[in-house]
Amino acid sequence: MKIYTYSQAREKLADILEESKKEEVVIRRRKGDTFFIMPKLPIRCSPFDVVGLRKKITRREIIEAIRESRGRA
């Protein structure tokens, strides 16, 4: 784990971001605040992934609604 001061981090931010891909990086301010820098991993998902709806509806009701919308009663 590498620890940098706020001033050091400002001067070489690009290098620190690259370094954070390999190991943990901490930036510490004078007041004692600390920040951990870590890369966000890309989320691989299908563009067809759809969040489901939580509705209390039966299969029969769904089929009836589809038929009704198509004009078949």
Protein backbone atom coordinates (compact mmCIF):
# COMPACT_ATOMS: atom_id res chain seq x y z
CA MET A 1 0.00 0.00 0.00
CA LYS A 2 1.33 3.40 -0.97
CA ILE A 3 0.43 6.55 0.95
CA TYR A 4 0.61 10.00 -0.65
CA THR A 5 -0.05 13.44 0.69
CA TYR A 6 -2.71 15.58 -0.95
CA SER A 7 -0.03 17.76 -2.56
CA GLN A 8 1.82 14.76 -3.99
CA ALA A 9 -1.43 13.33 -5.35
CA ARG A 10 -2.29 16.62 -7.07
CA GLU A 11 1.11 16.74 -8.77
CA LYS A 12 1.06 13.21 -10.17
CA LEU A 13 -2.57 12.14 -10.27
CA ALA A 14 -2.29 10.26 -13.59
CA ASP A 15 0.59 8.14 -12.27
CA ILE A 16 -1.26 7.42 -9.03
CA LEU A 17 -4.39 6.31 -10.89
CA GLU A 18 -2.32 3.86 -12.97
CA GLU A 19 -0.57 2.64 -9.84
CA SER A 20 -3.92 1.99 -8.14
CA LYS A 21 -4.62 -0.70 -10.75
CA LYS A 22 -1.78 -2.75 -9.25
CA GLU A 23 -1.91 -1.95 -5.53
CA GLU A 24 -3.85 -0.05 -2.90
CA VAL A 25 -3.26 3.71 -2.86
CA VAL A 26 -4.11 6.06 0.01
CA ILE A 27 -4.20 9.85 -0.08
CA ARG A 28 -3.93 11.58 3.29
CA ARG A 29 -4.76 15.22 3.97
CA ARG A 30 -3.22 17.38 6.68
CA LYS A 31 -6.38 17.23 8.79
CA GLY A 32 -6.11 13.44 8.84
CA ASP A 33 -8.76 12.60 6.26
CA THR A 34 -7.79 9.51 4.26
CA PHE A 35 -9.05 8.38 0.86
CA PHE A 36 -8.53 5.01 -0.78
CA ILE A 37 -8.11 4.96 -4.56
CA MET A 38 -9.18 1.82 -6.39
CA PRO A 39 -10.21 1.28 -10.01
CA LYS A 40 -13.82 0.49 -10.79
CA LEU A 41 -14.03 -2.79 -12.63
CA PRO A 42 -16.08 -2.76 -15.81
CA ILE A 43 -19.39 -4.54 -15.53
CA ARG A 44 -20.00 -6.85 -18.42
CA CYS A 45 -23.65 -7.44 -19.03
CA SER A 46 -25.92 -7.92 -21.96
CA PRO A 47 -27.79 -4.90 -23.33
CA PHE A 48 -30.82 -7.21 -23.24
CA ASP A 49 -30.70 -7.59 -19.44
CA VAL A 50 -33.89 -6.09 -18.07
CA VAL A 51 -34.83 -5.66 -14.44
CA GLY A 52 -37.99 -7.59 -13.65
CA LEU A 53 -41.13 -6.05 -12.22
CA ARG A 54 -42.63 -7.26 -8.96
CA LYS A 55 -46.32 -7.37 -9.85
CA LYS A 56 -48.93 -9.74 -8.50
CA ILE A 57 -50.31 -10.87 -11.83
CA THR A 58 -50.95 -14.37 -13.08
CA ARG A 59 -49.90 -15.92 -16.34
CA ARG A 60 -53.53 -16.09 -17.40
CA GLU A 61 -53.98 -12.33 -16.79
CA ILE A 62 -50.91 -11.57 -18.89
CA ILE A 63 -52.17 -13.70 -21.78
CA GLU A 64 -55.62 -12.09 -21.56
CA ALA A 65 -54.08 -8.62 -21.66
CA ILE A 66 -51.99 -9.52 -24.72
CA ARG A 67 -54.97 -10.98 -26.55
CA GLU A 68 -57.08 -7.97 -25.66
CA SER A 69 -54.44 -5.57 -26.94
CA ARG A 70 -54.27 -7.52 -30.23
CA GLY A 71 -58.04 -7.37 -30.61
CA ARG A 72 -58.68 -11.05 -29.87
CA ALA A 73 -61.22 -11.54 -27.13
